[in-house]
Amino acid sequence: ILIRHAEGLMTAYAHNDTLGVQRGDTVRRGQTIATVGSTGSVATPQLHFEIRRGNKARDPRTLLRGEA
């Protein structure tokens, strides 16, 4: 799943089991977008998460403020 955010940011989520959104949906804070799965060669359920600006991955620790 790729979600576009303000200021040119995009978040990416992979290894999903079920998807709760479709292309073109508007996503709201707190909304479940997917459930974690174990796709590919992974042995246990896990999440792959990235924050990107343009085509460059960014360190999430510098961008997330810990807001619930």
Foldseek 3Di string as FASTA:
>chain_A
DWDADPPQKIKDKDQFDAAPDDPPDDDDPPDDGTHFHADDPRDGTDIDMFMDRPNHTDDVVVVDDPDD
